[in-house]
Amino acid sequence: MTQEVPLEAGPHLPINPALYRACEVVGQAMELWGFKRVHGMVWMYIYLQPEAQSAHDVKEGLGISTGLTSMTLADLLRWGVVLRNSQPGDRRDYYTSEPNIWRPIMKVLREREYYQMGVTLSALREIQESLNEIPGGTERFAANRLGDLIQLGELAQRLFGQFLELGIFDMRDLRKLSLGAGLGQTILAIKRLLTGESAPDREK
């Protein structure tokens, strides 16, 4: 008979170490995406809880300061990955995770990543145009190389745009998809899910 993993003995980590490790892993991933590690940790902590959490719950659960907890929750609220609500007879605010995490992910991708791709490509086009006005061999070579990068970037931007056009769906619906069928079939399955179109019957 397997034993339950014991809780951390100290007062700063009252949660199961495995849950804390999950928060750390997501925090590290979010850090690579340009966010702070604590953003991912706080979101994951709330996401894994069956009930709404107060700021004090988050502070104690992760062992972080009151100020850091407050600032992080404010950021997560602004991005829409956590929701704030109140409970009758309780002056404290409580936080839950956005039930459809796909929504804020798409918001960040569209408003930050896709936008930045456009800004970068626009700047590179201007630089290429200025280099093309110079007859020197080095400048012309550099302009041609920039042209290759711009073409690649435009292709990536179009593909990214098509991905964003898939829209929003409930993450729980992913269970209905067969994601091992190849990229093309997976995209078609997601489109059917978004439009409510039924999949065609397979020939027997």
C-alpha atoms as a PDB file:
ATOM      1  CA  MET A   1       0.000   0.000   0.000  1.00  0.00           C
ATOM      2  CA  THR A   2       1.502   3.327  -1.054  1.00  0.00           C
ATOM      3  CA  GLN A   3       1.735   6.108   1.497  1.00  0.00           C
ATOM      4  CA  GLU A   4       0.618   9.673   0.829  1.00  0.00           C
ATOM      5  CA  VAL A   5       3.472  12.098   0.233  1.00  0.00           C
ATOM      6  CA  PRO A   6       3.889  13.997   3.535  1.00  0.00           C
ATOM      7  CA  LEU A   7       3.383  17.731   3.666  1.00  0.00           C
ATOM      8  CA  GLU A   8       6.314  20.052   4.156  1.00  0.00           C
ATOM      9  CA  ALA A   9       6.990  20.440   7.876  1.00  0.00           C
ATOM     10  CA  GLY A  10       7.773  24.167   7.805  1.00  0.00           C
ATOM     11  CA  PRO A  11       5.093  26.870   8.013  1.00  0.00           C
ATOM     12  CA  HIS A  12       6.024  28.324   4.609  1.00  0.00           C
ATOM     13  CA  LEU A  13       5.112  25.273   2.543  1.00  0.00           C
ATOM     14  CA  PRO A  14       1.897  23.719   3.868  1.00  0.00           C
ATOM     15  CA  ILE A  15       1.054  22.174   0.500  1.00  0.00           C
ATOM     16  CA  ASN A  16       2.055  18.812  -0.865  1.00  0.00           C
ATOM     17  CA  PRO A  17       5.641  18.999  -2.230  1.00  0.00           C
ATOM     18  CA  ALA A  18       4.469  17.526  -5.530  1.00  0.00           C
ATOM     19  CA  LEU A  19       1.999  20.387  -5.961  1.00  0.00           C
ATOM     20  CA  TYR A  20       4.697  22.902  -5.102  1.00  0.00           C
ATOM     21  CA  ARG A  21       6.968  21.295  -7.676  1.00  0.00           C
ATOM     22  CA  ALA A  22       4.219  21.649 -10.290  1.00  0.00           C
ATOM     23  CA  CYS A  23       4.063  25.372  -9.486  1.00  0.00           C
ATOM     24  CA  GLU A  24       7.836  25.619  -9.881  1.00  0.00           C
ATOM     25  CA  VAL A  25       7.819  23.851 -13.251  1.00  0.00           C
ATOM     26  CA  VAL A  26       5.108  26.135 -14.660  1.00  0.00           C
ATOM     27  CA  GLY A  27       6.893  29.158 -13.191  1.00  0.00           C
ATOM     28  CA  GLN A  28      10.087  28.204 -15.007  1.00  0.00           C
ATOM     29  CA  ALA A  29       8.190  27.775 -18.277  1.00  0.00           C
ATOM     30  CA  MET A  30       6.494  31.160 -17.900  1.00  0.00           C
ATOM     31  CA  GLU A  31       9.867  32.746 -17.216  1.00  0.00           C
ATOM     32  CA  LEU A  32      11.107  31.507 -20.598  1.00  0.00           C
ATOM     33  CA  TRP A  33       8.041  33.128 -22.169  1.00  0.00           C
ATOM     34  CA  GLY A  34       9.036  36.534 -20.812  1.00  0.00           C
ATOM     35  CA  PHE A  35       7.018  36.579 -17.590  1.00  0.00           C
ATOM     36  CA  LYS A  36       8.246  36.391 -14.017  1.00  0.00           C
ATOM     37  CA  ARG A  37       8.534  32.969 -12.447  1.00  0.00           C
ATOM     38  CA  VAL A  38       6.217  33.969  -9.604  1.00  0.00           C
ATOM     39  CA  HIS A  39       3.453  34.725 -12.121  1.00  0.00           C
ATOM     40  CA  GLY A  40       3.416  31.118 -13.264  1.00  0.00           C
ATOM     41  CA  MET A  41       3.730  29.770  -9.731  1.00  0.00           C
ATOM     42  CA  VAL A  42       0.816  31.788  -8.344  1.00  0.00           C
ATOM     43  CA  TRP A  43      -1.404  30.983 -11.304  1.00  0.00           C
ATOM     44  CA  MET A  44      -0.626  27.275 -11.067  1.00  0.00           C
ATOM     45  CA  TYR A  45      -1.219  27.255  -7.320  1.00  0.00           C
ATOM     46  CA  ILE A  46      -4.694  28.753  -7.783  1.00  0.00           C
ATOM     47  CA  TYR A  47      -5.410  26.540 -10.802  1.00  0.00           C
ATOM     48  CA  LEU A  48      -4.736  23.379  -8.803  1.00  0.00           C
ATOM     49  CA  GLN A  49      -6.973  24.325  -5.861  1.00  0.00           C
ATOM     50  CA  PRO A  50     -10.536  22.948  -5.691  1.00  0.00           C
ATOM     51  CA  GLU A  51     -11.763  26.100  -3.914  1.00  0.00           C
ATOM     52  CA  ALA A  52     -11.227  29.847  -4.312  1.00  0.00           C
ATOM     53  CA  GLN A  53      -8.088  31.110  -2.592  1.00  0.00           C
ATOM     54  CA  SER A  54      -7.501  34.323  -0.660  1.00  0.00           C
ATOM     55  CA  ALA A  55      -4.292  36.313  -1.003  1.00  0.00           C
ATOM     56  CA  HIS A  56      -3.321  34.963   2.410  1.00  0.00           C
ATOM     57  CA  ASP A  57      -3.845  31.395   1.199  1.00  0.00           C
ATOM     58  CA  VAL A  58      -1.553  32.029  -1.766  1.00  0.00           C
ATOM     59  CA  LYS A  59       1.047  33.732   0.407  1.00  0.00           C
ATOM     60  CA  GLU A  60       1.159  30.878   2.890  1.00  0.00           C
ATOM     61  CA  GLY A  61       0.918  28.156   0.288  1.00  0.00           C
ATOM     62  CA  LEU A  62       3.917  29.356  -1.706  1.00  0.00           C
ATOM     63  CA  GLY A  63       5.856  30.991   1.114  1.00  0.00           C
ATOM     64  CA  ILE A  64       6.138  34.410  -0.578  1.00  0.00           C
ATOM     65  CA  SER A  65       5.772  37.903   0.844  1.00  0.00           C
ATOM     66  CA  THR A  66       2.499  39.800   1.177  1.00  0.00           C
ATOM     67  CA  GLY A  67       3.676  42.525  -1.194  1.00  0.00           C
ATOM     68  CA  LEU A  68       4.792  40.069  -3.874  1.00  0.00           C
ATOM     69  CA  THR A  69       1.518  38.169  -3.578  1.00  0.00           C
ATOM     70  CA  SER A  70      -0.501  41.365  -4.009  1.00  0.00           C
ATOM     71  CA  MET A  71       1.475  42.589  -7.028  1.00  0.00           C
ATOM     72  CA  THR A  72       1.397  39.191  -8.710  1.00  0.00           C
ATOM     73  CA  LEU A  73      -2.357  38.776  -8.257  1.00  0.00           C
ATOM     74  CA  ALA A  74      -2.893  42.265  -9.693  1.00  0.00           C
ATOM     75  CA  ASP A  75      -0.877  41.291 -12.793  1.00  0.00           C
ATOM     76  CA  LEU A  76      -2.741  38.015 -13.220  1.00  0.00           C
ATOM     77  CA  LEU A  77      -6.074  39.803 -12.905  1.00  0.00           C
ATOM     78  CA  ARG A  78      -5.050  42.278 -15.600  1.00  0.00           C
ATOM     79  CA  TRP A  79      -4.114  39.442 -17.971  1.00  0.00           C
ATOM     80  CA  GLY A  80      -7.358  37.624 -17.213  1.00  0.00           C
ATOM     81  CA  VAL A  81      -5.819  34.349 -16.045  1.00  0.00           C
ATOM     82  CA  VAL A  82      -7.357  34.637 -12.573  1.00  0.00           C
ATOM     83  CA  LEU A  83     -10.747  35.979 -11.506  1.00  0.00           C
ATOM     84  CA  ARG A  84     -11.614  37.830  -8.306  1.00  0.00           C
ATOM     85  CA  ASN A  85     -14.800  37.305  -6.354  1.00  0.00           C
ATOM     86  CA  SER A  86     -16.156  37.836  -2.866  1.00  0.00           C
ATOM     87  CA  GLN A  87     -18.029  35.666  -0.420  1.00  0.00           C
ATOM     88  CA  PRO A  88     -20.999  36.764   1.697  1.00  0.00           C
ATOM     89  CA  GLY A  89     -19.966  37.945   5.151  1.00  0.00           C
ATOM     90  CA  ASP A  90     -16.249  37.957   4.279  1.00  0.00           C
ATOM     91  CA  ARG A  91     -14.393  41.178   3.483  1.00  0.00           C
ATOM     92  CA  ARG A  92     -11.514  39.347   1.813  1.00  0.00           C
ATOM     93  CA  ASP A  93     -11.215  38.850  -1.918  1.00  0.00           C
ATOM     94  CA  TYR A  94     -10.934  35.324  -3.259  1.00  0.00           C
ATOM     95  CA  TYR A  95      -9.321  34.187  -6.487  1.00  0.00           C
ATOM     96  CA  THR A  96     -10.038  31.407  -8.935  1.00  0.00           C
ATOM     97  CA  SER A  97      -8.368  30.565 -12.230  1.00  0.00           C
ATOM     98  CA  GLU A  98     -10.025  31.430 -15.534  1.00  0.00           C
ATOM     99  CA  PRO A  99     -11.940  28.210 -16.318  1.00  0.00           C
ATOM    100  CA  ASN A 100     -11.000  28.429 -19.995  1.00  0.00           C
ATOM    101  CA  ILE A 101      -7.270  29.189 -19.866  1.00  0.00           C
ATOM    102  CA  TRP A 102      -7.171  29.132 -23.669  1.00  0.00           C
ATOM    103  CA  ARG A 103      -8.827  32.583 -23.686  1.00  0.00           C
ATOM    104  CA  PRO A 104      -6.047  34.542 -21.906  1.00  0.00           C
ATOM    105  CA  ILE A 105      -3.383  32.554 -23.752  1.00  0.00           C
ATOM    106  CA  MET A 106      -4.826  33.674 -27.079  1.00  0.00           C
ATOM    107  CA  LYS A 107      -5.108  37.237 -25.746  1.00  0.00           C
ATOM    108  CA  VAL A 108      -1.399  37.317 -24.864  1.00  0.00           C
ATOM    109  CA  LEU A 109      -0.400  35.734 -28.177  1.00  0.00           C
ATOM    110  CA  ARG A 110      -2.452  38.220 -30.175  1.00  0.00           C
ATOM    111  CA  GLU A 111      -1.636  41.390 -28.237  1.00  0.00           C
ATOM    112  CA  ARG A 112       2.018  40.697 -27.524  1.00  0.00           C
ATOM    113  CA  GLU A 113       3.645  38.019 -29.680  1.00  0.00           C
ATOM    114  CA  TYR A 114       1.750  38.595 -32.958  1.00  0.00           C
ATOM    115  CA  TYR A 115       1.968  42.360 -32.548  1.00  0.00           C
ATOM    116  CA  GLN A 116       5.722  42.200 -31.934  1.00  0.00           C
ATOM    117  CA  MET A 117       6.207  40.090 -35.053  1.00  0.00           C
ATOM    118  CA  GLY A 118       4.549  42.835 -37.080  1.00  0.00           C
ATOM    119  CA  VAL A 119       6.682  45.557 -35.489  1.00  0.00           C
ATOM    120  CA  THR A 120       9.878  43.595 -36.179  1.00  0.00           C
ATOM    121  CA  LEU A 121       8.995  42.888 -39.802  1.00  0.00           C
ATOM    122  CA  SER A 122       8.077  46.524 -40.404  1.00  0.00           C
ATOM    123  CA  ALA A 123      11.431  47.697 -39.020  1.00  0.00           C
ATOM    124  CA  LEU A 124      13.354  45.166 -41.116  1.00  0.00           C
ATOM    125  CA  ARG A 125      11.555  46.286 -44.286  1.00  0.00           C
ATOM    126  CA  GLU A 126      12.535  49.902 -43.632  1.00  0.00           C
ATOM    127  CA  ILE A 127      16.154  48.899 -43.061  1.00  0.00           C
ATOM    128  CA  GLN A 128      16.194  46.795 -46.220  1.00  0.00           C
ATOM    129  CA  GLU A 129      14.793  49.693 -48.227  1.00  0.00           C
ATOM    130  CA  SER A 130      17.480  52.050 -46.941  1.00  0.00           C
ATOM    131  CA  LEU A 131      20.220  49.518 -47.754  1.00  0.00           C
ATOM    132  CA  ASN A 132      18.903  49.055 -51.282  1.00  0.00           C
ATOM    133  CA  GLU A 133      19.478  52.764 -51.916  1.00  0.00           C
ATOM    134  CA  ILE A 134      23.232  52.301 -51.369  1.00  0.00           C
ATOM    135  CA  PRO A 135      25.103  50.929 -54.394  1.00  0.00           C
ATOM    136  CA  GLY A 136      27.845  49.280 -52.306  1.00  0.00           C
ATOM    137  CA  GLY A 137      28.289  45.515 -52.505  1.00  0.00           C
ATOM    138  CA  THR A 138      28.243  44.961 -48.736  1.00  0.00           C
ATOM    139  CA  GLU A 139      24.989  46.876 -48.290  1.00  0.00           C
ATOM    140  CA  ARG A 140      23.360  45.073 -51.209  1.00  0.00           C
ATOM    141  CA  PHE A 141      24.436  41.703 -49.805  1.00  0.00           C
ATOM    142  CA  ALA A 142      23.004  42.651 -46.404  1.00  0.00           C
ATOM    143  CA  ALA A 143      19.758  43.801 -48.046  1.00  0.00           C
ATOM    144  CA  ASN A 144      19.403  40.447 -49.804  1.00  0.00           C
ATOM    145  CA  ARG A 145      20.016  38.585 -46.561  1.00  0.00           C
ATOM    146  CA  LEU A 146      17.418  40.738 -44.824  1.00  0.00           C
ATOM    147  CA  GLY A 147      15.012  39.899 -47.638  1.00  0.00           C
ATOM    148  CA  ASP A 148      15.397  36.202 -46.856  1.00  0.00           C
ATOM    149  CA  LEU A 149      14.677  36.831 -43.187  1.00  0.00           C
ATOM    150  CA  ILE A 150      11.689  39.012 -44.013  1.00  0.00           C
ATOM    151  CA  GLN A 151      10.183  36.318 -46.265  1.00  0.00           C
ATOM    152  CA  LEU A 152      10.626  33.741 -43.534  1.00  0.00           C
ATOM    153  CA  GLY A 153       9.130  36.088 -40.962  1.00  0.00           C
ATOM    154  CA  GLU A 154       6.128  36.843 -43.191  1.00  0.00           C
ATOM    155  CA  LEU A 155       5.488  33.138 -43.618  1.00  0.00           C
ATOM    156  CA  ALA A 156       5.695  32.612 -39.857  1.00  0.00           C
ATOM    157  CA  GLN A 157       3.366  35.571 -39.297  1.00  0.00           C
ATOM    158  CA  ARG A 158       0.773  34.166 -41.733  1.00  0.00           C
ATOM    159  CA  LEU A 159       0.891  30.758 -40.062  1.00  0.00           C
ATOM    160  CA  PHE A 160       0.641  32.386 -36.648  1.00  0.00           C
ATOM    161  CA  GLY A 161      -2.311  34.463 -37.834  1.00  0.00           C
ATOM    162  CA  GLN A 162      -4.111  31.354 -39.096  1.00  0.00           C
ATOM    163  CA  PHE A 163      -3.554  29.730 -35.715  1.00  0.00           C
ATOM    164  CA  LEU A 164      -5.030  32.754 -33.928  1.00  0.00           C
ATOM    165  CA  GLU A 165      -8.043  32.671 -36.256  1.00  0.00           C
ATOM    166  CA  LEU A 166      -8.970  29.269 -34.864  1.00  0.00           C
ATOM    167  CA  GLY A 167     -10.656  31.205 -32.080  1.00  0.00           C
ATOM    168  CA  ILE A 168     -11.558  30.211 -28.543  1.00  0.00           C
ATOM    169  CA  PHE A 169     -12.729  26.821 -27.375  1.00  0.00           C
ATOM    170  CA  ASP A 170     -13.153  25.181 -24.010  1.00  0.00           C
ATOM    171  CA  MET A 171      -9.943  23.461 -22.929  1.00  0.00           C
ATOM    172  CA  ARG A 172     -12.023  20.551 -21.665  1.00  0.00           C
ATOM    173  CA  ASP A 173     -13.032  19.876 -25.253  1.00  0.00           C
ATOM    174  CA  LEU A 174      -9.455  18.841 -26.007  1.00  0.00           C
ATOM    175  CA  ARG A 175     -10.409  15.448 -24.640  1.00  0.00           C
ATOM    176  CA  LYS A 176     -12.644  15.047 -27.685  1.00  0.00           C
ATOM    177  CA  LEU A 177      -9.777  15.542 -30.115  1.00  0.00           C
ATOM    178  CA  SER A 178      -7.434  12.962 -31.515  1.00  0.00           C
ATOM    179  CA  LEU A 179      -4.129  14.851 -31.425  1.00  0.00           C
ATOM    180  CA  GLY A 180      -2.030  12.020 -32.789  1.00  0.00           C
ATOM    181  CA  ALA A 181      -3.517  12.094 -36.276  1.00  0.00           C
ATOM    182  CA  GLY A 182      -1.122  14.640 -37.789  1.00  0.00           C
ATOM    183  CA  LEU A 183      -1.067  18.439 -37.855  1.00  0.00           C
ATOM    184  CA  GLY A 184      -3.469  18.909 -40.765  1.00  0.00           C
ATOM    185  CA  GLN A 185      -6.134  16.586 -39.372  1.00  0.00           C
ATOM    186  CA  THR A 186      -5.722  18.080 -35.905  1.00  0.00           C
ATOM    187  CA  ILE A 187      -6.329  21.607 -37.234  1.00  0.00           C
ATOM    188  CA  LEU A 188      -9.429  20.405 -39.081  1.00  0.00           C
ATOM    189  CA  ALA A 189     -10.676  18.716 -35.914  1.00  0.00           C
ATOM    190  CA  ILE A 190     -10.202  21.943 -33.939  1.00  0.00           C
ATOM    191  CA  LYS A 191     -12.066  23.927 -36.603  1.00  0.00           C
ATOM    192  CA  ARG A 192     -14.953  21.455 -36.457  1.00  0.00           C
ATOM    193  CA  LEU A 193     -15.000  21.793 -32.700  1.00  0.00           C
ATOM    194  CA  LEU A 194     -15.187  25.592 -32.911  1.00  0.00           C
ATOM    195  CA  THR A 195     -17.898  25.621 -35.573  1.00  0.00           C
ATOM    196  CA  GLY A 196     -19.913  22.757 -34.143  1.00  0.00           C
ATOM    197  CA  GLU A 197     -19.507  20.808 -37.366  1.00  0.00           C
ATOM    198  CA  SER A 198     -19.624  17.071 -36.974  1.00  0.00           C
ATOM    199  CA  ALA A 199     -16.765  14.949 -38.252  1.00  0.00           C
ATOM    200  CA  PRO A 200     -17.423  13.018 -41.452  1.00  0.00           C
ATOM    201  CA  ASP A 201     -18.198   9.339 -41.059  1.00  0.00           C
ATOM    202  CA  ARG A 202     -15.326   7.048 -41.886  1.00  0.00           C
ATOM    203  CA  GLU A 203     -15.806   4.459 -44.541  1.00  0.00           C
ATOM    204  CA  LYS A 204     -16.134   0.993 -43.095  1.00  0.00           C
END
